[in-house]
Amino acid sequence: MNDEKTEEDSDGTLLVHEEKEISFAQTLINIKEERLYSVPEMQLILCHVPRRTIYNWLSGDVIPEPEKQQWAIERLSDPRNPPSERVQNDMFRLHNLTWDKSKEQWKLRITFNIGTKVVGKRESIPLPTRDPDMAIFGRSVALAMAKKLKLKVDCRKQKRAKT
């Protein structure tokens, strides 16, 4: 529905502003882009909705009843949902943080080099947060503490064998 608001300009002329309500399809697209969800991940969150139906909702071909719309929007924007695969991959690649599915929190996996040993002490530090920004902050705090304790920290990524 379009709501019209009228205001008076400093000259006394009437200005008409139209406020457009965001469609259900656009709301789903916004959630999908904000959280970096793929359609299969959206299907997992909306457990009993077929993938084809989600594609129809996103394209705007099918508009469900208002109760179903509200349910879908609430489920997809629930902060308790796990991060998408793209977010998990980016967090690992950029910050060496992994998502612990069982505890539903981020983990920092690092190796402390001890002396001349190659392997050193491997640690997995749980960061009790679901928010990626807070996990990055927790990572920086953990690395700062290791530096303060004069521990040499290496990334725990595995080296790939060249073929």
N, C-alpha and C. Protein backbone atom coordinates (compact mmCIF):
# COMPACT_ATOMS: atom_id res chain seq x y z
N MET A 1 0.83 -1.17 0.00
CA MET A 1 0.00 0.00 0.00
C MET A 1 0.88 1.24 0.00
N ASN A 2 0.45 2.24 -0.70
CA ASN A 2 1.18 3.49 -0.75
C ASN A 2 0.53 4.48 0.19
N ASP A 3 1.29 4.99 1.11
CA ASP A 3 0.81 6.03 2.02
C ASP A 3 1.36 7.35 1.53
N GLU A 4 0.50 8.36 1.46
CA GLU A 4 0.96 9.66 1.02
C GLU A 4 1.04 10.59 2.22
N LYS A 5 2.15 11.30 2.34
CA LYS A 5 2.32 12.29 3.38
C LYS A 5 2.46 13.64 2.71
N THR A 6 1.79 14.62 3.24
CA THR A 6 1.89 15.97 2.67
C THR A 6 2.57 16.88 3.67
N GLU A 7 3.42 17.74 3.16
CA GLU A 7 4.11 18.73 3.98
C GLU A 7 4.05 20.06 3.27
N GLU A 8 4.24 21.11 4.03
CA GLU A 8 4.31 22.43 3.42
C GLU A 8 5.76 22.86 3.34
N ASP A 9 6.14 23.38 2.18
CA ASP A 9 7.49 23.90 1.96
C ASP A 9 7.56 25.29 2.59
N SER A 10 8.75 25.87 2.66
CA SER A 10 8.91 27.21 3.22
C SER A 10 8.17 28.25 2.38
N ASP A 11 7.93 27.94 1.10
CA ASP A 11 7.18 28.86 0.23
C ASP A 11 5.68 28.71 0.41
N GLY A 12 5.26 27.69 1.10
CA GLY A 12 3.84 27.46 1.29
C GLY A 12 3.27 26.46 0.29
N THR A 13 4.12 25.91 -0.58
CA THR A 13 3.63 24.92 -1.54
C THR A 13 3.56 23.55 -0.86
N LEU A 14 2.62 22.76 -1.31
CA LEU A 14 2.43 21.43 -0.73
C LEU A 14 3.36 20.44 -1.41
N LEU A 15 4.05 19.64 -0.61
CA LEU A 15 4.91 18.58 -1.11
C LEU A 15 4.26 17.25 -0.77
N VAL A 16 4.22 16.34 -1.72
CA VAL A 16 3.63 15.03 -1.50
C VAL A 16 4.74 13.99 -1.55
N HIS A 17 4.86 13.21 -0.46
CA HIS A 17 5.85 12.13 -0.39
C HIS A 17 5.10 10.81 -0.37
N GLU A 18 5.55 9.88 -1.17
CA GLU A 18 4.96 8.54 -1.16
C GLU A 18 5.90 7.59 -0.43
N GLU A 19 5.36 6.86 0.53
CA GLU A 19 6.13 5.84 1.24
C GLU A 19 5.65 4.49 0.74
N LYS A 20 6.55 3.74 0.16
CA LYS A 20 6.18 2.43 -0.38
C LYS A 20 6.51 1.35 0.64
N GLU A 21 5.57 0.45 0.80
CA GLU A 21 5.78 -0.68 1.70
C GLU A 21 6.65 -1.71 0.97
N ILE A 22 7.62 -2.26 1.66
CA ILE A 22 8.53 -3.23 1.05
C ILE A 22 7.78 -4.54 0.87
N SER A 23 7.90 -5.12 -0.31
CA SER A 23 7.20 -6.38 -0.60
C SER A 23 7.85 -7.53 0.16
N PHE A 24 7.12 -8.63 0.24
CA PHE A 24 7.63 -9.83 0.91
C PHE A 24 8.88 -10.34 0.20
N ALA A 25 8.85 -10.35 -1.13
CA ALA A 25 10.01 -10.82 -1.90
C ALA A 25 11.23 -9.95 -1.63
N GLN A 26 11.04 -8.63 -1.58
CA GLN A 26 12.17 -7.73 -1.33
C GLN A 26 12.70 -7.92 0.10
N THR A 27 11.81 -8.17 1.06
CA THR A 27 12.25 -8.43 2.43
C THR A 27 13.11 -9.69 2.49
N LEU A 28 12.68 -10.75 1.80
CA LEU A 28 13.47 -11.99 1.77
C LEU A 28 14.82 -11.77 1.10
N ILE A 29 14.83 -11.01 0.01
CA ILE A 29 16.09 -10.72 -0.69
C ILE A 29 17.02 -9.93 0.22
N ASN A 30 16.48 -8.97 0.97
CA ASN A 30 17.31 -8.18 1.90
C ASN A 30 17.92 -9.06 2.98
N ILE A 31 17.13 -9.97 3.55
CA ILE A 31 17.65 -10.89 4.58
C ILE A 31 18.71 -11.80 3.97
N LYS A 32 18.45 -12.30 2.77
CA LYS A 32 19.39 -13.20 2.08
C LYS A 32 20.73 -12.50 1.83
N GLU A 33 20.68 -11.25 1.39
CA GLU A 33 21.92 -10.51 1.11
C GLU A 33 22.64 -10.09 2.39
N GLU A 34 21.88 -9.70 3.40
CA GLU A 34 22.49 -9.25 4.66
C GLU A 34 23.21 -10.39 5.37
N ARG A 35 22.57 -11.55 5.41
CA ARG A 35 23.14 -12.69 6.13
C ARG A 35 23.96 -13.62 5.24
N LEU A 36 24.01 -13.33 3.93
CA LEU A 36 24.76 -14.12 2.95
C LEU A 36 24.27 -15.57 2.89
N TYR A 37 22.94 -15.75 2.98
CA TYR A 37 22.36 -17.09 2.90
C TYR A 37 22.24 -17.53 1.45
N SER A 38 22.40 -18.82 1.23
CA SER A 38 22.06 -19.41 -0.06
C SER A 38 20.64 -19.96 0.08
N VAL A 39 20.02 -20.32 -1.04
CA VAL A 39 18.65 -20.84 -0.98
C VAL A 39 18.60 -22.17 -0.21
N PRO A 40 19.56 -23.10 -0.38
CA PRO A 40 19.51 -24.32 0.46
C PRO A 40 19.63 -24.02 1.96
N GLU A 41 20.40 -23.01 2.33
CA GLU A 41 20.49 -22.65 3.75
C GLU A 41 19.17 -22.06 4.24
N MET A 42 18.51 -21.28 3.38
CA MET A 42 17.19 -20.76 3.75
C MET A 42 16.21 -21.91 3.90
N GLN A 43 16.34 -22.93 3.06
CA GLN A 43 15.45 -24.09 3.15
C GLN A 43 15.67 -24.84 4.46
N LEU A 44 16.93 -24.93 4.92
CA LEU A 44 17.20 -25.60 6.20
C LEU A 44 16.58 -24.84 7.36
N ILE A 45 16.60 -23.51 7.29
CA ILE A 45 16.02 -22.71 8.37
C ILE A 45 14.50 -22.80 8.34
N LEU A 46 13.93 -22.72 7.14
CA LEU A 46 12.47 -22.87 6.98
C LEU A 46 12.20 -24.35 6.70
N CYS A 47 12.29 -25.17 7.73
CA CYS A 47 12.43 -26.62 7.61
C CYS A 47 11.43 -27.32 6.69
N HIS A 48 10.19 -26.96 6.65
CA HIS A 48 9.25 -27.73 5.82
C HIS A 48 8.75 -26.95 4.61
N VAL A 49 9.58 -26.05 4.08
CA VAL A 49 9.23 -25.31 2.87
C VAL A 49 10.12 -25.82 1.73
N PRO A 50 9.53 -26.27 0.63
CA PRO A 50 10.33 -26.76 -0.50
C PRO A 50 11.19 -25.66 -1.13
N ARG A 51 12.29 -26.07 -1.73
CA ARG A 51 13.23 -25.12 -2.34
C ARG A 51 12.56 -24.33 -3.47
N ARG A 52 11.72 -24.99 -4.26
CA ARG A 52 11.04 -24.31 -5.37
C ARG A 52 10.13 -23.20 -4.85
N THR A 53 9.49 -23.43 -3.70
CA THR A 53 8.63 -22.42 -3.10
C THR A 53 9.44 -21.20 -2.69
N ILE A 54 10.63 -21.44 -2.14
CA ILE A 54 11.49 -20.32 -1.74
C ILE A 54 11.91 -19.52 -2.97
N TYR A 55 12.25 -20.20 -4.07
CA TYR A 55 12.57 -19.49 -5.32
C TYR A 55 11.38 -18.66 -5.79
N ASN A 56 10.17 -19.22 -5.69
CA ASN A 56 8.97 -18.48 -6.10
C ASN A 56 8.74 -17.27 -5.20
N TRP A 57 8.99 -17.41 -3.90
CA TRP A 57 8.85 -16.27 -2.98
C TRP A 57 9.85 -15.18 -3.32
N LEU A 58 11.11 -15.59 -3.59
CA LEU A 58 12.15 -14.60 -3.90
C LEU A 58 11.88 -13.87 -5.20
N SER A 59 11.32 -14.56 -6.17
CA SER A 59 11.04 -13.91 -7.46
C SER A 59 9.77 -13.08 -7.41
N GLY A 60 8.93 -13.29 -6.40
CA GLY A 60 7.68 -12.55 -6.29
C GLY A 60 6.54 -13.20 -7.07
N ASP A 61 6.76 -14.40 -7.62
CA ASP A 61 5.71 -15.09 -8.36
C ASP A 61 4.59 -15.55 -7.44
N VAL A 62 4.95 -15.99 -6.25
CA VAL A 62 3.97 -16.48 -5.28
C VAL A 62 4.09 -15.64 -4.02
N ILE A 63 2.94 -15.19 -3.52
CA ILE A 63 2.92 -14.43 -2.26
C ILE A 63 2.08 -15.23 -1.28
N PRO A 64 2.69 -15.74 -0.19
CA PRO A 64 1.92 -16.54 0.77
C PRO A 64 1.01 -15.67 1.63
N GLU A 65 0.20 -16.33 2.43
CA GLU A 65 -0.68 -15.61 3.35
C GLU A 65 0.15 -14.80 4.34
N PRO A 66 -0.43 -13.75 4.93
CA PRO A 66 0.33 -12.89 5.85
C PRO A 66 0.92 -13.63 7.05
N GLU A 67 0.21 -14.65 7.57
CA GLU A 67 0.74 -15.40 8.72
C GLU A 67 2.00 -16.15 8.32
N LYS A 68 1.99 -16.75 7.14
CA LYS A 68 3.15 -17.50 6.64
C LYS A 68 4.31 -16.54 6.35
N GLN A 69 4.00 -15.35 5.82
CA GLN A 69 5.04 -14.35 5.56
C GLN A 69 5.73 -13.95 6.86
N GLN A 70 4.93 -13.65 7.88
CA GLN A 70 5.48 -13.23 9.16
C GLN A 70 6.33 -14.35 9.76
N TRP A 71 5.86 -15.59 9.69
CA TRP A 71 6.60 -16.73 10.22
C TRP A 71 7.95 -16.87 9.52
N ALA A 72 7.94 -16.78 8.18
CA ALA A 72 9.19 -16.94 7.41
C ALA A 72 10.18 -15.83 7.72
N ILE A 73 9.70 -14.60 7.81
CA ILE A 73 10.60 -13.47 8.11
C ILE A 73 11.18 -13.61 9.51
N GLU A 74 10.35 -14.02 10.48
CA GLU A 74 10.85 -14.20 11.85
C GLU A 74 11.90 -15.31 11.91
N ARG A 75 11.65 -16.43 11.22
CA ARG A 75 12.60 -17.55 11.24
C ARG A 75 13.93 -17.18 10.59
N LEU A 76 13.87 -16.46 9.47
CA LEU A 76 15.10 -16.12 8.76
C LEU A 76 15.90 -15.03 9.45
N SER A 77 15.23 -14.13 10.17
CA SER A 77 15.97 -13.05 10.83
C SER A 77 16.24 -13.34 12.30
N ASP A 78 16.01 -14.56 12.74
CA ASP A 78 16.30 -14.95 14.12
C ASP A 78 17.81 -14.91 14.36
N PRO A 79 18.27 -14.19 15.39
CA PRO A 79 19.72 -14.12 15.64
C PRO A 79 20.33 -15.44 16.10
N ARG A 80 19.50 -16.42 16.47
CA ARG A 80 20.02 -17.71 16.91
C ARG A 80 20.39 -18.62 15.75
N ASN A 81 20.10 -18.22 14.52
CA ASN A 81 20.47 -19.03 13.35
C ASN A 81 21.98 -19.07 13.22
N PRO A 82 22.53 -20.20 12.80
CA PRO A 82 23.98 -20.26 12.59
C PRO A 82 24.38 -19.37 11.41
N PRO A 83 25.63 -18.93 11.39
CA PRO A 83 26.08 -18.13 10.25
C PRO A 83 26.10 -18.96 8.97
N SER A 84 25.97 -18.30 7.85
CA SER A 84 25.95 -19.01 6.57
C SER A 84 27.33 -19.60 6.27
N GLU A 85 27.36 -20.51 5.31
CA GLU A 85 28.63 -21.14 4.92
C GLU A 85 29.62 -20.11 4.41
N ARG A 86 29.12 -19.11 3.68
CA ARG A 86 30.03 -18.08 3.16
C ARG A 86 30.66 -17.29 4.30
N VAL A 87 29.88 -16.96 5.33
CA VAL A 87 30.42 -16.23 6.48
C VAL A 87 31.44 -17.10 7.20
N GLN A 88 31.12 -18.39 7.39
CA GLN A 88 32.06 -19.30 8.06
C GLN A 88 33.37 -19.42 7.29
N ASN A 89 33.28 -19.56 5.97
CA ASN A 89 34.49 -19.67 5.16
C ASN A 89 35.32 -18.39 5.21
N ASP A 90 34.65 -17.24 5.14
CA ASP A 90 35.37 -15.96 5.20
C ASP A 90 36.03 -15.77 6.56
N MET A 91 35.34 -16.14 7.63
CA MET A 91 35.91 -15.98 8.97
C MET A 91 37.12 -16.89 9.14
N PHE A 92 37.08 -18.09 8.58
CA PHE A 92 38.24 -18.97 8.69
C PHE A 92 39.39 -18.46 7.84
N ARG A 93 39.08 -18.06 6.62
CA ARG A 93 40.13 -17.62 5.70
C ARG A 93 40.79 -16.33 6.18
N LEU A 94 40.01 -15.39 6.69
CA LEU A 94 40.55 -14.09 7.06
C LEU A 94 41.05 -14.02 8.51
N HIS A 95 40.37 -14.73 9.42
CA HIS A 95 40.67 -14.56 10.85
C HIS A 95 41.00 -15.86 11.57
N ASN A 96 41.00 -16.99 10.87
CA ASN A 96 41.28 -18.29 11.46
C ASN A 96 40.28 -18.65 12.57
N LEU A 97 39.03 -18.25 12.38
CA LEU A 97 37.97 -18.56 13.32
C LEU A 97 37.07 -19.63 12.71
N THR A 98 36.70 -20.63 13.51
CA THR A 98 35.81 -21.68 13.03
C THR A 98 34.54 -21.67 13.86
N TRP A 99 33.45 -22.14 13.26
CA TRP A 99 32.15 -22.20 13.93
C TRP A 99 31.98 -23.57 14.56
N ASP A 100 31.74 -23.60 15.87
CA ASP A 100 31.49 -24.84 16.59
C ASP A 100 29.98 -25.08 16.58
N LYS A 101 29.52 -26.05 15.81
CA LYS A 101 28.08 -26.29 15.65
C LYS A 101 27.44 -26.78 16.94
N SER A 102 28.16 -27.61 17.69
CA SER A 102 27.56 -28.19 18.90
C SER A 102 27.37 -27.15 19.99
N LYS A 103 28.34 -26.25 20.15
CA LYS A 103 28.24 -25.23 21.20
C LYS A 103 27.68 -23.91 20.68
N GLU A 104 27.51 -23.82 19.36
CA GLU A 104 26.97 -22.63 18.70
C GLU A 104 27.73 -21.37 19.10
N GLN A 105 29.05 -21.44 18.89
CA GLN A 105 29.91 -20.30 19.17
C GLN A 105 31.14 -20.39 18.28
N TRP A 106 31.89 -19.30 18.22
CA TRP A 106 33.11 -19.26 17.41
C TRP A 106 34.28 -19.82 18.21
N LYS A 107 35.26 -20.41 17.50
CA LYS A 107 36.49 -20.94 18.12
C LYS A 107 37.68 -20.36 17.38
N LEU A 108 38.71 -20.01 18.14
CA LEU A 108 39.98 -19.59 17.56
C LEU A 108 40.94 -20.75 17.68
N ARG A 109 41.49 -21.19 16.55
CA ARG A 109 42.43 -22.32 16.54
C ARG A 109 43.80 -21.78 16.19
N ILE A 110 44.72 -21.87 17.15
CA ILE A 110 46.08 -21.34 16.95
C ILE A 110 47.12 -22.34 17.45
N THR A 111 48.36 -22.12 17.04
CA THR A 111 49.49 -22.93 17.48
C THR A 111 50.50 -22.02 18.14
N PHE A 112 50.90 -22.36 19.37
CA PHE A 112 51.96 -21.64 20.06
C PHE A 112 53.27 -22.38 19.78
N ASN A 113 54.21 -21.71 19.16
CA ASN A 113 55.52 -22.32 18.90
C ASN A 113 56.34 -22.26 20.17
N ILE A 114 56.86 -23.41 20.57
CA ILE A 114 57.65 -23.50 21.80
C ILE A 114 59.08 -23.82 21.41
N GLY A 115 59.95 -22.86 21.55
CA GLY A 115 61.37 -23.07 21.26
C GLY A 115 61.60 -23.40 19.79
N THR A 116 62.39 -24.45 19.57
CA THR A 116 62.74 -24.82 18.20
C THR A 116 61.84 -25.92 17.66
N LYS A 117 60.84 -26.33 18.41
CA LYS A 117 59.95 -27.38 17.94
C LYS A 117 59.14 -26.89 16.74
N VAL A 118 58.85 -27.80 15.87
CA VAL A 118 58.11 -27.44 14.67
C VAL A 118 56.62 -27.30 14.97
N VAL A 119 56.07 -28.24 15.72
CA VAL A 119 54.62 -28.27 15.94
C VAL A 119 54.20 -27.32 17.05
N GLY A 120 54.80 -27.43 18.21
CA GLY A 120 54.41 -26.58 19.33
C GLY A 120 53.13 -27.05 19.98
N LYS A 121 52.47 -26.16 20.69
CA LYS A 121 51.26 -26.49 21.43
C LYS A 121 50.04 -25.95 20.68
N ARG A 122 49.17 -26.84 20.26
CA ARG A 122 47.96 -26.43 19.54
C ARG A 122 46.83 -26.17 20.52
N GLU A 123 46.17 -25.07 20.32
CA GLU A 123 45.07 -24.69 21.22
C GLU A 123 43.83 -24.32 20.41
N SER A 124 42.69 -24.59 21.00
CA SER A 124 41.41 -24.18 20.45
C SER A 124 40.74 -23.34 21.53
N ILE A 125 40.63 -22.05 21.30
CA ILE A 125 40.10 -21.13 22.31
C ILE A 125 38.65 -20.82 21.97
N PRO A 126 37.69 -21.22 22.83
CA PRO A 126 36.29 -20.90 22.55
C PRO A 126 36.01 -19.42 22.82
N LEU A 127 35.28 -18.81 21.91
CA LEU A 127 34.86 -17.42 22.08
C LEU A 127 33.35 -17.43 22.26
N PRO A 128 32.86 -17.18 23.47
CA PRO A 128 31.43 -17.35 23.74
C PRO A 128 30.56 -16.27 23.12
N THR A 129 30.51 -16.25 21.80
CA THR A 129 29.66 -15.28 21.10
C THR A 129 29.22 -15.85 19.77
N ARG A 130 28.07 -15.37 19.29
CA ARG A 130 27.57 -15.76 17.98
C ARG A 130 27.88 -14.67 16.96
N ASP A 131 28.15 -13.47 17.44
CA ASP A 131 28.37 -12.32 16.57
C ASP A 131 29.77 -12.37 15.96
N PRO A 132 29.89 -12.32 14.64
CA PRO A 132 31.22 -12.37 14.01
C PRO A 132 32.13 -11.20 14.41
N ASP A 133 31.56 -10.02 14.59
CA ASP A 133 32.39 -8.87 14.97
C ASP A 133 32.96 -9.04 16.38
N MET A 134 32.16 -9.56 17.29
CA MET A 134 32.66 -9.81 18.65
C MET A 134 33.70 -10.93 18.64
N ALA A 135 33.53 -11.92 17.77
CA ALA A 135 34.51 -13.00 17.66
C ALA A 135 35.85 -12.47 17.15
N ILE A 136 35.81 -11.55 16.20
CA ILE A 136 37.04 -10.94 15.69
C ILE A 136 37.72 -10.14 16.80
N PHE A 137 36.91 -9.43 17.59
CA PHE A 137 37.47 -8.67 18.72
C PHE A 137 38.08 -9.62 19.75
N GLY A 138 37.39 -10.74 20.06
CA GLY A 138 37.93 -11.73 21.00
C GLY A 138 39.22 -12.34 20.49
N ARG A 139 39.31 -12.55 19.19
CA ARG A 139 40.54 -13.06 18.58
C ARG A 139 41.69 -12.08 18.78
N SER A 140 41.43 -10.80 18.55
CA SER A 140 42.50 -9.81 18.72
C SER A 140 42.94 -9.71 20.17
N VAL A 141 42.00 -9.86 21.11
CA VAL A 141 42.35 -9.85 22.54
C VAL A 141 43.20 -11.07 22.87
N ALA A 142 42.82 -12.25 22.37
CA ALA A 142 43.58 -13.48 22.65
C ALA A 142 44.99 -13.38 22.07
N LEU A 143 45.12 -12.85 20.87
CA LEU A 143 46.45 -12.72 20.26
C LEU A 143 47.29 -11.67 20.99
N ALA A 144 46.64 -10.61 21.49
CA ALA A 144 47.37 -9.60 22.26
C ALA A 144 47.88 -10.18 23.58
N MET A 145 47.07 -11.02 24.21
CA MET A 145 47.50 -11.66 25.46
C MET A 145 48.67 -12.61 25.21
N ALA A 146 48.64 -13.34 24.11
CA ALA A 146 49.74 -14.24 23.78
C ALA A 146 51.02 -13.44 23.51
N LYS A 147 50.86 -12.32 22.86
CA LYS A 147 52.03 -11.47 22.58
C LYS A 147 52.59 -10.89 23.88
N LYS A 148 51.67 -10.53 24.79
CA LYS A 148 52.09 -9.99 26.09
C LYS A 148 52.85 -11.04 26.89
N LEU A 149 52.46 -12.31 26.74
CA LEU A 149 53.14 -13.41 27.43
C LEU A 149 54.38 -13.88 26.67
N LYS A 150 54.70 -13.19 25.57
CA LYS A 150 55.87 -13.47 24.73
C LYS A 150 55.83 -14.88 24.14
N LEU A 151 54.64 -15.27 23.69
CA LEU A 151 54.48 -16.54 22.99
C LEU A 151 54.42 -16.26 21.50
N LYS A 152 55.12 -17.08 20.74
CA LYS A 152 55.07 -16.92 19.29
C LYS A 152 53.87 -17.70 18.78
N VAL A 153 53.00 -17.03 18.05
CA VAL A 153 51.75 -17.63 17.58
C VAL A 153 51.83 -17.83 16.08
N ASP A 154 51.47 -19.04 15.64
CA ASP A 154 51.37 -19.34 14.22
C ASP A 154 49.93 -19.69 13.89
N CYS A 155 49.58 -19.49 12.66
CA CYS A 155 48.27 -19.88 12.17
C CYS A 155 48.20 -21.40 12.18
N ARG A 156 47.04 -21.95 12.46
CA ARG A 156 46.91 -23.41 12.55
C ARG A 156 46.45 -24.03 11.24
N LYS A 157 46.51 -23.31 10.17
CA LYS A 157 46.08 -23.86 8.89
C LYS A 157 47.04 -24.94 8.43
N GLN A 158 46.51 -25.95 7.78
CA GLN A 158 47.33 -27.04 7.27
C GLN A 158 47.97 -26.62 5.96
N LYS A 159 49.22 -27.01 5.77
CA LYS A 159 49.87 -26.75 4.49
C LYS A 159 49.43 -27.83 3.51
N ARG A 160 49.07 -27.39 2.32
CA ARG A 160 48.61 -28.34 1.31
C ARG A 160 49.79 -28.89 0.54
N ALA A 161 49.73 -30.17 0.27
CA ALA A 161 50.80 -30.82 -0.50
C ALA A 161 50.67 -30.42 -1.96
N LYS A 162 51.80 -30.08 -2.56
CA LYS A 162 51.80 -29.71 -3.97
C LYS A 162 51.80 -30.98 -4.81
N THR A 163 50.93 -31.00 -5.81
CA THR A 163 50.86 -32.19 -6.67
C THR A 163 51.29 -31.88 -8.08
